[in-house]
């Protein structure tokens, strides 16, 4: 089979592009991260009664568990709403978290 000029140019361009794809990791390697910066959260469904660790404050709110650290946070809401509401202000309300405790995730080992 004899290749004409068009076939040779097409094959040459294909070889050049494949070479670029193959050499790209050598020229610009991707950055390796020792730890992931992504945090995973579990949001408990529904509204729960939040009791502060010092037992001085009790309110309704959402419970969120940080699955990477085991920390448990409570975000107070009002009026059994799934999000914070402040009827006195026209701006959206911000809920400040209450630290409720921690799950020892490292203790979950099968021996």
PDB file of N, CA and C in Angstrom:
ATOM      1  N   UNK A   1       0.841  -1.161   0.000  1.00  0.00           N
ATOM      2  CA  UNK A   1       0.000   0.000   0.000  1.00  0.00           C
ATOM      3  C   UNK A   1       0.896   1.237   0.000  1.00  0.00           C
ATOM      4  N   UNK A   2       0.672   2.101  -0.963  1.00  0.00           N
ATOM      5  CA  UNK A   2       1.477   3.304  -1.091  1.00  0.00           C
ATOM      6  C   UNK A   2       0.699   4.486  -0.513  1.00  0.00           C
ATOM      7  N   UNK A   3       1.384   5.305   0.343  1.00  0.00           N
ATOM      8  CA  UNK A   3       0.737   6.453   0.961  1.00  0.00           C
ATOM      9  C   UNK A   3       0.991   7.689   0.125  1.00  0.00           C
ATOM     10  N   UNK A   4      -0.088   8.438  -0.113  1.00  0.00           N
ATOM     11  CA  UNK A   4       0.087   9.698  -0.833  1.00  0.00           C
ATOM     12  C   UNK A   4       0.392  10.812   0.168  1.00  0.00           C
ATOM     13  N   UNK A   5       0.535  12.029  -0.311  1.00  0.00           N
ATOM     14  CA  UNK A   5       0.921  13.165   0.526  1.00  0.00           C
ATOM     15  C   UNK A   5      -0.118  13.449   1.613  1.00  0.00           C
ATOM     16  N   UNK A   6      -1.398  13.384   1.294  1.00  0.00           N
ATOM     17  CA  UNK A   6      -2.463  13.652   2.274  1.00  0.00           C
ATOM     18  C   UNK A   6      -2.421  12.639   3.414  1.00  0.00           C
ATOM     19  N   UNK A   7      -2.233  11.348   3.082  1.00  0.00           N
ATOM     20  CA  UNK A   7      -2.172  10.314   4.114  1.00  0.00           C
ATOM     21  C   UNK A   7      -0.966  10.522   5.036  1.00  0.00           C
ATOM     22  N   UNK A   8       0.169  10.887   4.451  1.00  0.00           N
ATOM     23  CA  UNK A   8       1.364  11.114   5.254  1.00  0.00           C
ATOM     24  C   UNK A   8       1.189  12.312   6.201  1.00  0.00           C
ATOM     25  N   UNK A   9       0.587  13.387   5.718  1.00  0.00           N
ATOM     26  CA  UNK A   9       0.355  14.567   6.564  1.00  0.00           C
ATOM     27  C   UNK A   9      -0.618  14.224   7.689  1.00  0.00           C
ATOM     28  N   UNK A  10      -1.678  13.492   7.373  1.00  0.00           N
ATOM     29  CA  UNK A  10      -2.672  13.104   8.379  1.00  0.00           C
ATOM     30  C   UNK A  10      -2.040  12.221   9.448  1.00  0.00           C
ATOM     31  N   UNK A  11      -1.269  11.234   9.055  1.00  0.00           N
ATOM     32  CA  UNK A  11      -0.590  10.376  10.015  1.00  0.00           C
ATOM     33  C   UNK A  11       0.433  11.156  10.841  1.00  0.00           C
ATOM     34  N   UNK A  12       1.124  12.077  10.209  1.00  0.00           N
ATOM     35  CA  UNK A  12       2.105  12.896  10.933  1.00  0.00           C
ATOM     36  C   UNK A  12       1.453  13.773  11.995  1.00  0.00           C
ATOM     37  N   UNK A  13       0.321  14.394  11.654  1.00  0.00           N
ATOM     38  CA  UNK A  13      -0.405  15.229  12.617  1.00  0.00           C
ATOM     39  C   UNK A  13      -0.924  14.370  13.768  1.00  0.00           C
ATOM     40  N   UNK A  14      -1.432  13.178  13.457  1.00  0.00           N
ATOM     41  CA  UNK A  14      -1.927  12.278  14.500  1.00  0.00           C
ATOM     42  C   UNK A  14      -0.800  11.866  15.442  1.00  0.00           C
ATOM     43  N   UNK A  15       0.367  11.577  14.915  1.00  0.00           N
ATOM     44  CA  UNK A  15       1.513  11.194  15.739  1.00  0.00           C
ATOM     45  C   UNK A  15       1.946  12.364  16.630  1.00  0.00           C
ATOM     46  N   UNK A  16       1.940  13.571  16.084  1.00  0.00           N
ATOM     47  CA  UNK A  16       2.327  14.750  16.873  1.00  0.00           C
ATOM     48  C   UNK A  16       1.357  14.959  18.033  1.00  0.00           C
ATOM     49  N   UNK A  17       0.049  14.890  17.756  1.00  0.00           N
ATOM     50  CA  UNK A  17      -0.944  15.079  18.825  1.00  0.00           C
ATOM     51  C   UNK A  17      -0.877  13.968  19.872  1.00  0.00           C
ATOM     52  N   UNK A  18      -0.654  12.744  19.452  1.00  0.00           N
ATOM     53  CA  UNK A  18      -0.507  11.654  20.423  1.00  0.00           C
ATOM     54  C   UNK A  18       0.748  11.840  21.268  1.00  0.00           C
ATOM     55  N   UNK A  19       1.803  12.343  20.674  1.00  0.00           N
ATOM     56  CA  UNK A  19       3.019  12.633  21.430  1.00  0.00           C
ATOM     57  C   UNK A  19       2.805  13.738  22.452  1.00  0.00           C
ATOM     58  N   UNK A  20       2.029  14.752  22.083  1.00  0.00           N
ATOM     59  CA  UNK A  20       1.719  15.831  23.027  1.00  0.00           C
ATOM     60  C   UNK A  20       0.929  15.282  24.213  1.00  0.00           C
ATOM     61  N   UNK A  21      -0.053  14.443  23.925  1.00  0.00           N
ATOM     62  CA  UNK A  21      -0.857  13.842  24.996  1.00  0.00           C
ATOM     63  C   UNK A  21       0.016  12.970  25.895  1.00  0.00           C
ATOM     64  N   UNK A  22       0.931  12.219  25.304  1.00  0.00           N
ATOM     65  CA  UNK A  22       1.784  11.323  26.094  1.00  0.00           C
ATOM     66  C   UNK A  22       2.807  12.089  26.926  1.00  0.00           C
ATOM     67  N   UNK A  23       3.314  13.222  26.452  1.00  0.00           N
ATOM     68  CA  UNK A  23       4.355  13.967  27.153  1.00  0.00           C
ATOM     69  C   UNK A  23       3.809  15.030  28.111  1.00  0.00           C
ATOM     70  N   UNK A  24       2.531  15.316  28.065  1.00  0.00           N
ATOM     71  CA  UNK A  24       1.961  16.357  28.934  1.00  0.00           C
ATOM     72  C   UNK A  24       2.204  16.081  30.418  1.00  0.00           C
ATOM     73  N   UNK A  25       2.025  14.858  30.933  1.00  0.00           N
ATOM     74  CA  UNK A  25       2.300  14.641  32.365  1.00  0.00           C
ATOM     75  C   UNK A  25       3.761  14.886  32.747  1.00  0.00           C
ATOM     76  N   UNK A  26       4.683  14.712  31.820  1.00  0.00           N
ATOM     77  CA  UNK A  26       6.092  14.976  32.128  1.00  0.00           C
ATOM     78  C   UNK A  26       6.387  16.470  32.184  1.00  0.00           C
ATOM     79  N   UNK A  27       5.727  17.243  31.337  1.00  0.00           N
ATOM     80  CA  UNK A  27       5.991  18.678  31.273  1.00  0.00           C
ATOM     81  C   UNK A  27       5.244  19.452  32.357  1.00  0.00           C
ATOM     82  N   UNK A  28       4.009  19.088  32.638  1.00  0.00           N
ATOM     83  CA  UNK A  28       3.208  19.766  33.662  1.00  0.00           C
ATOM     84  C   UNK A  28       2.542  18.719  34.549  1.00  0.00           C
ATOM     85  N   UNK A  29       3.287  18.178  35.513  1.00  0.00           N
ATOM     86  CA  UNK A  29       2.694  17.147  36.381  1.00  0.00           C
ATOM     87  C   UNK A  29       1.607  17.738  37.274  1.00  0.00           C
ATOM     88  N   UNK A  30       0.636  16.898  37.632  1.00  0.00           N
ATOM     89  CA  UNK A  30      -0.431  17.357  38.515  1.00  0.00           C
ATOM     90  C   UNK A  30       0.085  17.441  39.946  1.00  0.00           C
ATOM     91  N   UNK A  31      -0.528  18.308  40.726  1.00  0.00           N
ATOM     92  CA  UNK A  31      -0.106  18.540  42.102  1.00  0.00           C
ATOM     93  C   UNK A  31      -0.639  17.422  42.983  1.00  0.00           C
ATOM     94  N   UNK A  32       0.215  16.872  43.820  1.00  0.00           N
ATOM     95  CA  UNK A  32      -0.191  15.826  44.763  1.00  0.00           C
ATOM     96  C   UNK A  32      -0.483  16.467  46.118  1.00  0.00           C
ATOM     97  N   UNK A  33      -1.627  16.115  46.704  1.00  0.00           N
ATOM     98  CA  UNK A  33      -2.007  16.640  48.009  1.00  0.00           C
ATOM     99  C   UNK A  33      -1.900  15.523  49.040  1.00  0.00           C
ATOM    100  N   UNK A  34      -1.299  15.838  50.167  1.00  0.00           N
ATOM    101  CA  UNK A  34      -1.161  14.836  51.220  1.00  0.00           C
ATOM    102  C   UNK A  34      -2.495  14.552  51.885  1.00  0.00           C
ATOM    103  N   UNK A  35      -3.332  15.579  51.995  1.00  0.00           N
ATOM    104  CA  UNK A  35      -4.642  15.414  52.602  1.00  0.00           C
ATOM    105  C   UNK A  35      -5.677  16.071  51.717  1.00  0.00           C
ATOM    106  N   UNK A  36      -6.830  15.508  51.725  1.00  0.00           N
ATOM    107  CA  UNK A  36      -7.926  16.086  50.977  1.00  0.00           C
ATOM    108  C   UNK A  36      -8.481  17.275  51.743  1.00  0.00           C
ATOM    109  N   UNK A  37      -8.813  18.333  51.030  1.00  0.00           N
ATOM    110  CA  UNK A  37      -9.410  19.497  51.671  1.00  0.00           C
ATOM    111  C   UNK A  37     -10.933  19.399  51.685  1.00  0.00           C
ATOM    112  N   UNK A  38     -11.470  18.365  51.091  1.00  0.00           N
ATOM    113  CA  UNK A  38     -12.918  18.189  51.080  1.00  0.00           C
ATOM    114  C   UNK A  38     -13.384  17.650  52.427  1.00  0.00           C
ATOM    115  N   UNK A  39     -14.404  18.263  52.966  1.00  0.00           N
ATOM    116  CA  UNK A  39     -14.987  17.783  54.215  1.00  0.00           C
ATOM    117  C   UNK A  39     -16.341  17.191  53.883  1.00  0.00           C
ATOM    118  N   UNK A  40     -16.658  16.135  54.584  1.00  0.00           N
ATOM    119  CA  UNK A  40     -17.933  15.472  54.373  1.00  0.00           C
ATOM    120  C   UNK A  40     -18.802  15.688  55.593  1.00  0.00           C
ATOM    121  N   UNK A  41     -20.032  16.119  55.362  1.00  0.00           N
ATOM    122  CA  UNK A  41     -20.963  16.386  56.440  1.00  0.00           C
ATOM    123  C   UNK A  41     -22.194  15.511  56.293  1.00  0.00           C
ATOM    124  N   UNK A  42     -22.728  15.110  57.430  1.00  0.00           N
ATOM    125  CA  UNK A  42     -24.010  14.425  57.471  1.00  0.00           C
ATOM    126  C   UNK A  42     -24.988  15.352  58.178  1.00  0.00           C
ATOM    127  N   UNK A  43     -26.088  15.672  57.519  1.00  0.00           N
ATOM    128  CA  UNK A  43     -27.111  16.524  58.096  1.00  0.00           C
ATOM    129  C   UNK A  43     -28.243  15.623  58.563  1.00  0.00           C
ATOM    130  N   UNK A  44     -28.489  15.615  59.848  1.00  0.00           N
ATOM    131  CA  UNK A  44     -29.558  14.806  60.431  1.00  0.00           C
ATOM    132  C   UNK A  44     -30.901  15.336  59.922  1.00  0.00           C
ATOM    133  N   UNK A  45     -31.753  14.460  59.403  1.00  0.00           N
ATOM    134  CA  UNK A  45     -33.054  14.932  58.906  1.00  0.00           C
ATOM    135  C   UNK A  45     -33.922  15.462  60.046  1.00  0.00           C
ATOM    136  N   UNK A  46     -34.702  16.470  59.744  1.00  0.00           N
ATOM    137  CA  UNK A  46     -35.643  17.007  60.722  1.00  0.00           C
ATOM    138  C   UNK A  46     -35.013  18.010  61.671  1.00  0.00           C
ATOM    139  N   UNK A  47     -35.851  18.511  62.567  1.00  0.00           N
ATOM    140  CA  UNK A  47     -35.433  19.478  63.579  1.00  0.00           C
ATOM    141  C   UNK A  47     -35.315  18.740  64.908  1.00  0.00           C
ATOM    142  N   UNK A  48     -34.215  18.936  65.600  1.00  0.00           N
ATOM    143  CA  UNK A  48     -33.954  18.257  66.873  1.00  0.00           C
ATOM    144  C   UNK A  48     -33.839  19.279  67.993  1.00  0.00           C
ATOM    145  N   UNK A  49     -34.007  18.822  69.219  1.00  0.00           N
ATOM    146  CA  UNK A  49     -33.771  19.660  70.388  1.00  0.00           C
ATOM    147  C   UNK A  49     -32.277  19.661  70.677  1.00  0.00           C
ATOM    148  N   UNK A  50     -31.683  20.846  70.683  1.00  0.00           N
ATOM    149  CA  UNK A  50     -30.255  21.003  70.936  1.00  0.00           C
ATOM    150  C   UNK A  50     -30.052  21.410  72.384  1.00  0.00           C
ATOM    151  N   UNK A  51     -29.207  20.712  73.077  1.00  0.00           N
ATOM    152  CA  UNK A  51     -28.867  21.015  74.461  1.00  0.00           C
ATOM    153  C   UNK A  51     -27.367  21.269  74.510  1.00  0.00           C
ATOM    154  N   UNK A  52     -26.998  22.467  74.943  1.00  0.00           N
ATOM    155  CA  UNK A  52     -25.576  22.814  74.977  1.00  0.00           C
ATOM    156  C   UNK A  52     -24.848  21.911  75.980  1.00  0.00           C
ATOM    157  N   UNK A  53     -23.544  21.674  75.770  1.00  0.00           N
ATOM    158  CA  UNK A  53     -22.802  20.786  76.662  1.00  0.00           C
ATOM    159  C   UNK A  53     -22.812  21.232  78.124  1.00  0.00           C
ATOM    160  N   UNK A  54     -22.896  22.519  78.391  1.00  0.00           N
ATOM    161  CA  UNK A  54     -22.931  22.983  79.783  1.00  0.00           C
ATOM    162  C   UNK A  54     -24.352  22.999  80.350  1.00  0.00           C
ATOM    163  N   UNK A  55     -25.317  22.530  79.577  1.00  0.00           N
ATOM    164  CA  UNK A  55     -26.722  22.382  79.982  1.00  0.00           C
ATOM    165  C   UNK A  55     -27.405  23.708  80.316  1.00  0.00           C
ATOM    166  N   UNK A  56     -26.901  24.821  79.787  1.00  0.00           N
ATOM    167  CA  UNK A  56     -27.501  26.115  80.083  1.00  0.00           C
ATOM    168  C   UNK A  56     -28.449  26.586  78.992  1.00  0.00           C
ATOM    169  N   UNK A  57     -28.382  25.981  77.825  1.00  0.00           N
ATOM    170  CA  UNK A  57     -29.168  26.468  76.703  1.00  0.00           C
ATOM    171  C   UNK A  57     -29.829  25.297  76.002  1.00  0.00           C
ATOM    172  N   UNK A  58     -31.114  25.447  75.722  1.00  0.00           N
ATOM    173  CA  UNK A  58     -31.859  24.430  74.983  1.00  0.00           C
ATOM    174  C   UNK A  58     -32.658  25.136  73.907  1.00  0.00           C
ATOM    175  N   UNK A  59     -32.543  24.659  72.679  1.00  0.00           N
ATOM    176  CA  UNK A  59     -33.235  25.276  71.560  1.00  0.00           C
ATOM    177  C   UNK A  59     -33.491  24.234  70.486  1.00  0.00           C
ATOM    178  N   UNK A  60     -34.236  24.600  69.486  1.00  0.00           N
ATOM    179  CA  UNK A  60     -34.498  23.729  68.339  1.00  0.00           C
ATOM    180  C   UNK A  60     -33.467  24.027  67.252  1.00  0.00           C
ATOM    181  N   UNK A  61     -33.117  23.014  66.464  1.00  0.00           N
ATOM    182  CA  UNK A  61     -32.168  23.260  65.396  1.00  0.00           C
ATOM    183  C   UNK A  61     -31.801  22.019  64.608  1.00  0.00           C
ATOM    184  N   UNK A  62     -30.863  22.200  63.714  1.00  0.00           N
ATOM    185  CA  UNK A  62     -30.362  21.128  62.853  1.00  0.00           C
ATOM    186  C   UNK A  62     -29.073  20.573  63.449  1.00  0.00           C
ATOM    187  N   UNK A  63     -28.898  19.263  63.347  1.00  0.00           N
ATOM    188  CA  UNK A  63     -27.682  18.598  63.823  1.00  0.00           C
ATOM    189  C   UNK A  63     -26.862  18.192  62.604  1.00  0.00           C
ATOM    190  N   UNK A  64     -25.577  18.546  62.630  1.00  0.00           N
ATOM    191  CA  UNK A  64     -24.673  18.241  61.522  1.00  0.00           C
ATOM    192  C   UNK A  64     -23.438  17.552  62.096  1.00  0.00           C
ATOM    193  N   UNK A  65     -23.038  16.440  61.465  1.00  0.00           N
ATOM    194  CA  UNK A  65     -21.870  15.676  61.896  1.00  0.00           C
ATOM    195  C   UNK A  65     -20.792  15.807  60.821  1.00  0.00           C
ATOM    196  N   UNK A  66     -19.601  16.209  61.242  1.00  0.00           N
ATOM    197  CA  UNK A  66     -18.448  16.251  60.344  1.00  0.00           C
ATOM    198  C   UNK A  66     -17.877  14.837  60.290  1.00  0.00           C
ATOM    199  N   UNK A  67     -18.003  14.173  59.147  1.00  0.00           N
ATOM    200  CA  UNK A  67     -17.605  12.773  59.039  1.00  0.00           C
ATOM    201  C   UNK A  67     -16.099  12.577  58.992  1.00  0.00           C
ATOM    202  N   UNK A  68     -15.337  13.634  58.762  1.00  0.00           N
ATOM    203  CA  UNK A  68     -13.879  13.489  58.753  1.00  0.00           C
ATOM    204  C   UNK A  68     -13.292  13.583  60.151  1.00  0.00           C
ATOM    205  N   UNK A  69     -13.915  14.352  61.039  1.00  0.00           N
ATOM    206  CA  UNK A  69     -13.371  14.530  62.382  1.00  0.00           C
ATOM    207  C   UNK A  69     -14.246  13.914  63.466  1.00  0.00           C
ATOM    208  N   UNK A  70     -15.522  13.719  63.189  1.00  0.00           N
ATOM    209  CA  UNK A  70     -16.453  13.203  64.179  1.00  0.00           C
ATOM    210  C   UNK A  70     -17.099  14.284  65.019  1.00  0.00           C
ATOM    211  N   UNK A  71     -16.783  15.557  64.750  1.00  0.00           N
ATOM    212  CA  UNK A  71     -17.374  16.655  65.510  1.00  0.00           C
ATOM    213  C   UNK A  71     -18.863  16.764  65.206  1.00  0.00           C
ATOM    214  N   UNK A  72     -19.647  17.081  66.260  1.00  0.00           N
ATOM    215  CA  UNK A  72     -21.091  17.228  66.120  1.00  0.00           C
ATOM    216  C   UNK A  72     -21.441  18.675  66.430  1.00  0.00           C
ATOM    217  N   UNK A  73     -22.148  19.298  65.514  1.00  0.00           N
ATOM    218  CA  UNK A  73     -22.515  20.698  65.655  1.00  0.00           C
ATOM    219  C   UNK A  73     -24.030  20.830  65.583  1.00  0.00           C
ATOM    220  N   UNK A  74     -24.554  21.776  66.343  1.00  0.00           N
ATOM    221  CA  UNK A  74     -25.965  22.103  66.289  1.00  0.00           C
ATOM    222  C   UNK A  74     -26.132  23.519  65.788  1.00  0.00           C
ATOM    223  N   UNK A  75     -26.999  23.713  64.807  1.00  0.00           N
ATOM    224  CA  UNK A  75     -27.277  25.028  64.260  1.00  0.00           C
ATOM    225  C   UNK A  75     -28.690  25.427  64.679  1.00  0.00           C
ATOM    226  N   UNK A  76     -28.812  26.350  65.619  1.00  0.00           N
ATOM    227  CA  UNK A  76     -30.134  26.730  66.094  1.00  0.00           C
ATOM    228  C   UNK A  76     -30.982  27.366  64.992  1.00  0.00           C
ATOM    229  N   UNK A  77     -32.249  26.991  64.983  1.00  0.00           N
ATOM    230  CA  UNK A  77     -33.239  27.618  64.115  1.00  0.00           C
ATOM    231  C   UNK A  77     -34.385  28.069  65.012  1.00  0.00           C
ATOM    232  N   UNK A  78     -35.341  28.714  64.448  1.00  0.00           N
ATOM    233  CA  UNK A  78     -36.463  29.162  65.264  1.00  0.00           C
ATOM    234  C   UNK A  78     -37.771  28.671  64.653  1.00  0.00           C
ATOM    235  N   UNK A  79     -38.766  28.520  65.472  1.00  0.00           N
ATOM    236  CA  UNK A  79     -40.127  28.205  65.045  1.00  0.00           C
ATOM    237  C   UNK A  79     -40.213  26.891  64.280  1.00  0.00           C
ATOM    238  N   UNK A  80     -39.418  25.902  64.662  1.00  0.00           N
ATOM    239  CA  UNK A  80     -39.412  24.588  64.002  1.00  0.00           C
ATOM    240  C   UNK A  80     -39.169  24.683  62.495  1.00  0.00           C
ATOM    241  N   UNK A  81     -38.436  25.679  62.067  1.00  0.00           N
ATOM    242  CA  UNK A  81     -38.115  25.848  60.651  1.00  0.00           C
ATOM    243  C   UNK A  81     -36.796  25.140  60.352  1.00  0.00           C
ATOM    244  N   UNK A  82     -36.605  24.654  59.131  1.00  0.00           N
ATOM    245  CA  UNK A  82     -35.349  23.970  58.808  1.00  0.00           C
ATOM    246  C   UNK A  82     -34.184  24.924  58.569  1.00  0.00           C
ATOM    247  N   UNK A  83     -34.428  26.210  58.614  1.00  0.00           N
ATOM    248  CA  UNK A  83     -33.377  27.200  58.424  1.00  0.00           C
ATOM    249  C   UNK A  83     -33.637  28.359  59.391  1.00  0.00           C
ATOM    250  N   UNK A  84     -32.617  29.176  59.688  1.00  0.00           N
ATOM    251  CA  UNK A  84     -32.808  30.261  60.659  1.00  0.00           C
ATOM    252  C   UNK A  84     -33.696  31.371  60.108  1.00  0.00           C
ATOM    253  N   UNK A  85     -34.574  31.873  60.956  1.00  0.00           N
ATOM    254  CA  UNK A  85     -35.483  32.956  60.585  1.00  0.00           C
ATOM    255  C   UNK A  85     -35.410  34.015  61.674  1.00  0.00           C
ATOM    256  N   UNK A  86     -35.280  35.278  61.266  1.00  0.00           N
ATOM    257  CA  UNK A  86     -35.345  36.400  62.200  1.00  0.00           C
ATOM    258  C   UNK A  86     -36.365  37.376  61.634  1.00  0.00           C
ATOM    259  N   UNK A  87     -37.573  37.360  62.189  1.00  0.00           N
ATOM    260  CA  UNK A  87     -38.666  38.185  61.666  1.00  0.00           C
ATOM    261  C   UNK A  87     -38.423  39.675  61.900  1.00  0.00           C
ATOM    262  N   UNK A  88     -37.541  40.038  62.822  1.00  0.00           N
ATOM    263  CA  UNK A  88     -37.291  41.440  63.132  1.00  0.00           C
ATOM    264  C   UNK A  88     -36.379  42.118  62.123  1.00  0.00           C
ATOM    265  N   UNK A  89     -35.657  41.342  61.325  1.00  0.00           N
ATOM    266  CA  UNK A  89     -34.705  41.924  60.377  1.00  0.00           C
ATOM    267  C   UNK A  89     -35.079  41.524  58.954  1.00  0.00           C
ATOM    268  N   UNK A  90     -34.885  42.419  57.996  1.00  0.00           N
ATOM    269  CA  UNK A  90     -35.201  42.071  56.604  1.00  0.00           C
ATOM    270  C   UNK A  90     -34.125  41.201  55.939  1.00  0.00           C
ATOM    271  N   UNK A  91     -32.910  41.143  56.532  1.00  0.00           N
ATOM    272  CA  UNK A  91     -31.839  40.340  55.953  1.00  0.00           C
ATOM    273  C   UNK A  91     -32.007  38.876  56.374  1.00  0.00           C
ATOM    274  N   UNK A  92     -31.451  37.967  55.593  1.00  0.00           N
ATOM    275  CA  UNK A  92     -31.472  36.556  55.999  1.00  0.00           C
ATOM    276  C   UNK A  92     -30.684  36.363  57.301  1.00  0.00           C
ATOM    277  N   UNK A  93     -31.186  35.500  58.154  1.00  0.00           N
ATOM    278  CA  UNK A  93     -30.551  35.249  59.443  1.00  0.00           C
ATOM    279  C   UNK A  93     -29.380  34.290  59.294  1.00  0.00           C
ATOM    280  N   UNK A  94     -28.435  34.398  60.210  1.00  0.00           N
ATOM    281  CA  UNK A  94     -27.293  33.501  60.250  1.00  0.00           C
ATOM    282  C   UNK A  94     -27.319  32.737  61.570  1.00  0.00           C
ATOM    283  N   UNK A  95     -27.210  31.439  61.485  1.00  0.00           N
ATOM    284  CA  UNK A  95     -27.210  30.597  62.675  1.00  0.00           C
ATOM    285  C   UNK A  95     -25.773  30.306  63.085  1.00  0.00           C
ATOM    286  N   UNK A  96     -25.440  30.604  64.312  1.00  0.00           N
ATOM    287  CA  UNK A  96     -24.096  30.360  64.843  1.00  0.00           C
ATOM    288  C   UNK A  96     -24.082  28.959  65.447  1.00  0.00           C
ATOM    289  N   UNK A  97     -23.132  28.103  65.050  1.00  0.00           N
ATOM    290  CA  UNK A  97     -23.151  26.716  65.529  1.00  0.00           C
ATOM    291  C   UNK A  97     -22.799  26.577  67.005  1.00  0.00           C
ATOM    292  N   UNK A  98     -23.363  25.550  67.608  1.00  0.00           N
ATOM    293  CA  UNK A  98     -23.058  25.171  68.984  1.00  0.00           C
ATOM    294  C   UNK A  98     -22.334  23.830  68.916  1.00  0.00           C
ATOM    295  N   UNK A  99     -21.162  23.754  69.537  1.00  0.00           N
ATOM    296  CA  UNK A  99     -20.425  22.492  69.557  1.00  0.00           C
ATOM    297  C   UNK A  99     -21.101  21.556  70.550  1.00  0.00           C
ATOM    298  N   UNK A 100     -21.565  20.407  70.070  1.00  0.00           N
ATOM    299  CA  UNK A 100     -22.309  19.486  70.911  1.00  0.00           C
ATOM    300  C   UNK A 100     -21.473  18.320  71.414  1.00  0.00           C
ATOM    301  N   UNK A 101     -20.439  17.948  70.706  1.00  0.00           N
ATOM    302  CA  UNK A 101     -19.629  16.813  71.135  1.00  0.00           C
ATOM    303  C   UNK A 101     -18.870  16.217  69.971  1.00  0.00           C
ATOM    304  N   UNK A 102     -18.413  14.994  70.173  1.00  0.00           N
ATOM    305  CA  UNK A 102     -17.589  14.348  69.145  1.00  0.00           C
ATOM    306  C   UNK A 102     -17.806  12.845  69.188  1.00  0.00           C
ATOM    307  N   UNK A 103     -17.873  12.236  68.004  1.00  0.00           N
ATOM    308  CA  UNK A 103     -17.869  10.789  67.876  1.00  0.00           C
ATOM    309  C   UNK A 103     -16.419  10.348  67.700  1.00  0.00           C
ATOM    310  N   UNK A 104     -16.003   9.302  68.397  1.00  0.00           N
ATOM    311  CA  UNK A 104     -14.648   8.769  68.248  1.00  0.00           C
ATOM    312  C   UNK A 104     -14.651   7.814  67.057  1.00  0.00           C
ATOM    313  N   UNK A 105     -14.455   8.370  65.862  1.00  0.00           N
ATOM    314  CA  UNK A 105     -14.492   7.552  64.647  1.00  0.00           C
ATOM    315  C   UNK A 105     -13.308   6.610  64.560  1.00  0.00           C
ATOM    316  N   UNK A 106     -12.193   6.970  65.186  1.00  0.00           N
ATOM    317  CA  UNK A 106     -11.018   6.107  65.157  1.00  0.00           C
ATOM    318  C   UNK A 106     -11.229   4.853  65.989  1.00  0.00           C
ATOM    319  N   UNK A 107     -12.153   4.899  66.937  1.00  0.00           N
ATOM    320  CA  UNK A 107     -12.428   3.750  67.778  1.00  0.00           C
ATOM    321  C   UNK A 107     -13.232   2.652  67.091  1.00  0.00           C
ATOM    322  N   UNK A 108     -13.720   2.925  65.906  1.00  0.00           N
ATOM    323  CA  UNK A 108     -14.505   1.924  65.170  1.00  0.00           C
ATOM    324  C   UNK A 108     -13.568   1.025  64.384  1.00  0.00           C
ATOM    325  N   UNK A 109     -13.006   0.063  65.067  1.00  0.00           N
ATOM    326  CA  UNK A 109     -12.095  -0.889  64.427  1.00  0.00           C
ATOM    327  C   UNK A 109     -12.566  -2.297  64.738  1.00  0.00           C
ATOM    328  N   UNK A 110     -12.399  -3.136  63.789  1.00  0.00           N
ATOM    329  CA  UNK A 110     -12.726  -4.538  63.988  1.00  0.00           C
ATOM    330  C   UNK A 110     -11.436  -5.269  64.338  1.00  0.00           C
ATOM    331  N   UNK A 111     -11.365  -5.821  65.518  1.00  0.00           N
ATOM    332  CA  UNK A 111     -10.139  -6.506  65.958  1.00  0.00           C
ATOM    333  C   UNK A 111     -10.201  -7.988  65.700  1.00  0.00           C
TER     334      UNK A 111
END
